[in-house]
Amino acid sequence: SDWRLPNINELASLVARDRYGPSINLERFPSTPAAWFWSSSPYAYYSYYAWVLSFDYGNDSIHYRYFSYHVRLVRSGQ
């Protein structure tokens, strides 16, 4: 019950800058697609946007909240 959506900084900390397509360590995170993932970070200027991160090249951006993207949950407790 302590799973949550990570903020953009937490999500970006998973990026492996030495690889792309996907830009993540596949030994630790197998089957991760080279695709966009949601963060819990809202965009400050427009409430209908939120920050997303692509595990294709490891870049971030803002996208409309109604887009269908992947999620990667993290645990809050422990």
N, C-alpha and C. Protein backbone atom coordinates (compact mmCIF):
# COMPACT_ATOMS: atom_id res chain seq x y z
N SER A 1 0.81 -1.20 0.00
CA SER A 1 0.00 0.00 0.00
C SER A 1 0.86 1.27 0.00
N ASP A 2 2.18 1.15 -0.01
CA ASP A 2 3.04 2.33 0.01
C ASP A 2 3.68 2.63 -1.36
N TRP A 3 3.13 2.06 -2.43
CA TRP A 3 3.63 2.33 -3.78
C TRP A 3 3.11 3.68 -4.25
N ARG A 4 3.95 4.39 -5.01
CA ARG A 4 3.57 5.71 -5.53
C ARG A 4 4.30 5.98 -6.84
N LEU A 5 3.84 7.00 -7.54
CA LEU A 5 4.48 7.46 -8.76
C LEU A 5 5.68 8.33 -8.38
N PRO A 6 6.86 8.09 -8.94
CA PRO A 6 8.03 8.90 -8.58
C PRO A 6 7.97 10.30 -9.18
N ASN A 7 8.65 11.24 -8.54
CA ASN A 7 8.75 12.57 -9.15
C ASN A 7 9.76 12.51 -10.30
N ILE A 8 9.88 13.57 -11.06
CA ILE A 8 10.73 13.55 -12.26
C ILE A 8 12.20 13.33 -11.91
N ASN A 9 12.67 13.83 -10.78
CA ASN A 9 14.07 13.62 -10.39
C ASN A 9 14.33 12.17 -10.02
N GLU A 10 13.40 11.56 -9.32
CA GLU A 10 13.55 10.14 -8.97
C GLU A 10 13.54 9.28 -10.22
N LEU A 11 12.65 9.58 -11.13
CA LEU A 11 12.57 8.81 -12.38
C LEU A 11 13.84 8.99 -13.21
N ALA A 12 14.33 10.21 -13.28
CA ALA A 12 15.55 10.49 -14.05
C ALA A 12 16.78 9.80 -13.45
N SER A 13 16.75 9.52 -12.16
CA SER A 13 17.90 8.85 -11.53
C SER A 13 18.05 7.40 -12.03
N LEU A 14 17.05 6.86 -12.68
CA LEU A 14 17.11 5.50 -13.22
C LEU A 14 17.73 5.43 -14.61
N VAL A 15 17.92 6.59 -15.24
CA VAL A 15 18.45 6.63 -16.61
C VAL A 15 19.91 6.20 -16.62
N ALA A 16 20.26 5.34 -17.55
CA ALA A 16 21.64 4.93 -17.79
C ALA A 16 22.14 5.72 -19.00
N ARG A 17 22.96 6.71 -18.77
CA ARG A 17 23.42 7.61 -19.84
C ARG A 17 24.37 6.94 -20.83
N ASP A 18 24.85 5.74 -20.52
CA ASP A 18 25.77 5.04 -21.40
C ASP A 18 25.07 4.13 -22.41
N ARG A 19 23.75 4.19 -22.46
CA ARG A 19 22.99 3.34 -23.40
C ARG A 19 21.70 4.03 -23.80
N TYR A 20 21.11 3.54 -24.87
CA TYR A 20 19.83 4.07 -25.31
C TYR A 20 19.03 2.97 -26.00
N GLY A 21 17.74 3.20 -26.07
CA GLY A 21 16.82 2.28 -26.73
C GLY A 21 16.64 0.94 -26.06
N PRO A 22 16.49 0.79 -24.78
CA PRO A 22 16.20 1.78 -23.75
C PRO A 22 17.45 2.25 -22.99
N SER A 23 17.31 3.39 -22.37
CA SER A 23 18.41 3.99 -21.61
C SER A 23 18.24 3.68 -20.12
N ILE A 24 18.23 2.39 -19.82
CA ILE A 24 18.07 1.92 -18.44
C ILE A 24 18.81 0.59 -18.31
N ASN A 25 19.23 0.26 -17.12
CA ASN A 25 19.92 -0.99 -16.86
C ASN A 25 18.90 -2.14 -16.94
N LEU A 26 18.96 -2.91 -18.01
CA LEU A 26 17.98 -3.97 -18.22
C LEU A 26 18.19 -5.17 -17.30
N GLU A 27 19.34 -5.27 -16.66
CA GLU A 27 19.54 -6.33 -15.68
C GLU A 27 18.73 -6.05 -14.43
N ARG A 28 18.64 -4.79 -14.04
CA ARG A 28 17.85 -4.41 -12.86
C ARG A 28 16.38 -4.19 -13.19
N PHE A 29 16.11 -3.70 -14.40
CA PHE A 29 14.75 -3.38 -14.83
C PHE A 29 14.46 -4.06 -16.17
N PRO A 30 14.34 -5.38 -16.16
CA PRO A 30 14.13 -6.11 -17.42
C PRO A 30 12.80 -5.74 -18.07
N SER A 31 12.77 -5.85 -19.36
CA SER A 31 11.56 -5.61 -20.18
C SER A 31 11.06 -4.17 -20.13
N THR A 32 11.92 -3.23 -19.77
CA THR A 32 11.52 -1.83 -19.79
C THR A 32 11.52 -1.35 -21.24
N PRO A 33 10.39 -0.86 -21.72
CA PRO A 33 10.35 -0.39 -23.11
C PRO A 33 11.03 0.97 -23.26
N ALA A 34 11.51 1.25 -24.46
CA ALA A 34 12.08 2.55 -24.79
C ALA A 34 10.90 3.47 -25.09
N ALA A 35 10.25 3.94 -24.04
CA ALA A 35 8.99 4.68 -24.19
C ALA A 35 8.89 5.76 -23.11
N TRP A 36 7.82 6.55 -23.19
CA TRP A 36 7.57 7.60 -22.20
C TRP A 36 6.97 7.02 -20.93
N PHE A 37 7.38 7.58 -19.78
CA PHE A 37 6.87 7.19 -18.46
C PHE A 37 6.43 8.45 -17.72
N TRP A 38 5.32 8.33 -17.01
CA TRP A 38 4.80 9.45 -16.22
C TRP A 38 5.60 9.64 -14.94
N SER A 39 5.70 10.88 -14.51
CA SER A 39 6.19 11.21 -13.18
C SER A 39 5.02 11.83 -12.41
N SER A 40 5.21 12.03 -11.13
CA SER A 40 4.18 12.69 -10.32
C SER A 40 4.35 14.20 -10.32
N SER A 41 5.36 14.71 -11.04
CA SER A 41 5.67 16.13 -11.02
C SER A 41 4.75 16.91 -11.97
N PRO A 42 3.97 17.82 -11.41
CA PRO A 42 3.13 18.66 -12.26
C PRO A 42 3.97 19.71 -12.96
N TYR A 43 3.47 20.22 -14.06
CA TYR A 43 4.13 21.34 -14.72
C TYR A 43 3.62 22.63 -14.07
N ALA A 44 4.52 23.49 -13.66
CA ALA A 44 4.16 24.65 -12.84
C ALA A 44 3.25 25.66 -13.53
N TYR A 45 3.37 25.81 -14.83
CA TYR A 45 2.66 26.89 -15.51
C TYR A 45 1.29 26.50 -16.06
N TYR A 46 1.08 25.21 -16.33
CA TYR A 46 -0.20 24.76 -16.87
C TYR A 46 -0.59 23.46 -16.19
N SER A 47 -1.72 23.45 -15.53
CA SER A 47 -2.14 22.28 -14.75
C SER A 47 -2.50 21.07 -15.61
N TYR A 48 -2.70 21.26 -16.89
CA TYR A 48 -3.06 20.13 -17.76
C TYR A 48 -1.83 19.42 -18.33
N TYR A 49 -0.63 19.84 -17.91
CA TYR A 49 0.62 19.16 -18.27
C TYR A 49 1.25 18.52 -17.04
N ALA A 50 2.07 17.51 -17.28
CA ALA A 50 2.90 16.91 -16.23
C ALA A 50 4.23 16.50 -16.87
N TRP A 51 5.23 16.31 -16.04
CA TRP A 51 6.55 15.90 -16.53
C TRP A 51 6.58 14.40 -16.82
N VAL A 52 7.20 14.07 -17.93
CA VAL A 52 7.38 12.67 -18.36
C VAL A 52 8.85 12.45 -18.69
N LEU A 53 9.25 11.20 -18.72
CA LEU A 53 10.63 10.86 -19.06
C LEU A 53 10.62 9.72 -20.07
N SER A 54 11.45 9.84 -21.08
CA SER A 54 11.56 8.79 -22.09
C SER A 54 12.75 7.90 -21.78
N PHE A 55 12.51 6.62 -21.70
CA PHE A 55 13.62 5.67 -21.53
C PHE A 55 14.17 5.23 -22.88
N ASP A 56 13.88 5.98 -23.94
CA ASP A 56 14.52 5.75 -25.22
C ASP A 56 15.91 6.37 -25.18
N TYR A 57 15.95 7.70 -24.93
CA TYR A 57 17.24 8.40 -24.83
C TYR A 57 17.47 9.02 -23.47
N GLY A 58 16.52 8.93 -22.55
CA GLY A 58 16.70 9.47 -21.21
C GLY A 58 16.32 10.93 -21.08
N ASN A 59 15.60 11.47 -22.05
CA ASN A 59 15.22 12.88 -21.99
C ASN A 59 13.86 13.06 -21.31
N ASP A 60 13.65 14.25 -20.75
CA ASP A 60 12.36 14.56 -20.14
C ASP A 60 11.64 15.64 -20.94
N SER A 61 10.36 15.77 -20.67
CA SER A 61 9.53 16.74 -21.37
C SER A 61 8.24 16.92 -20.58
N ILE A 62 7.39 17.80 -21.06
CA ILE A 62 6.05 17.92 -20.49
C ILE A 62 5.05 17.47 -21.54
N HIS A 63 4.03 16.76 -21.10
CA HIS A 63 2.98 16.29 -22.01
C HIS A 63 1.63 16.48 -21.35
N TYR A 64 0.59 16.51 -22.19
CA TYR A 64 -0.77 16.58 -21.65
C TYR A 64 -1.04 15.40 -20.74
N ARG A 65 -1.75 15.62 -19.66
CA ARG A 65 -2.04 14.57 -18.68
C ARG A 65 -2.94 13.46 -19.22
N TYR A 66 -3.64 13.71 -20.30
CA TYR A 66 -4.56 12.69 -20.81
C TYR A 66 -3.87 11.70 -21.77
N PHE A 67 -2.57 11.88 -22.05
CA PHE A 67 -1.86 10.92 -22.89
C PHE A 67 -1.70 9.60 -22.15
N SER A 68 -1.67 8.52 -22.88
CA SER A 68 -1.48 7.18 -22.29
C SER A 68 0.00 6.80 -22.35
N TYR A 69 0.63 6.80 -21.18
CA TYR A 69 2.04 6.42 -21.07
C TYR A 69 2.21 5.36 -20.00
N HIS A 70 3.42 4.83 -19.92
CA HIS A 70 3.75 3.83 -18.91
C HIS A 70 3.94 4.49 -17.55
N VAL A 71 3.89 3.67 -16.51
CA VAL A 71 4.23 4.12 -15.17
C VAL A 71 5.21 3.14 -14.56
N ARG A 72 6.08 3.64 -13.73
CA ARG A 72 7.00 2.83 -12.95
C ARG A 72 6.83 3.29 -11.52
N LEU A 73 6.34 2.43 -10.68
CA LEU A 73 6.06 2.79 -9.29
C LEU A 73 7.28 2.58 -8.41
N VAL A 74 7.35 3.36 -7.34
CA VAL A 74 8.40 3.21 -6.33
C VAL A 74 7.73 3.05 -4.97
N ARG A 75 8.47 2.55 -4.02
CA ARG A 75 7.93 2.37 -2.67
C ARG A 75 8.32 3.54 -1.79
N SER A 76 7.37 3.98 -1.00
CA SER A 76 7.60 5.11 -0.11
C SER A 76 8.27 4.70 1.19
N GLY A 77 7.78 3.63 1.78
CA GLY A 77 8.21 3.24 3.13
C GLY A 77 9.48 2.44 3.15
N GLN A 78 9.62 1.71 4.20
CA GLN A 78 10.72 0.79 4.52
C GLN A 78 11.85 1.50 5.16
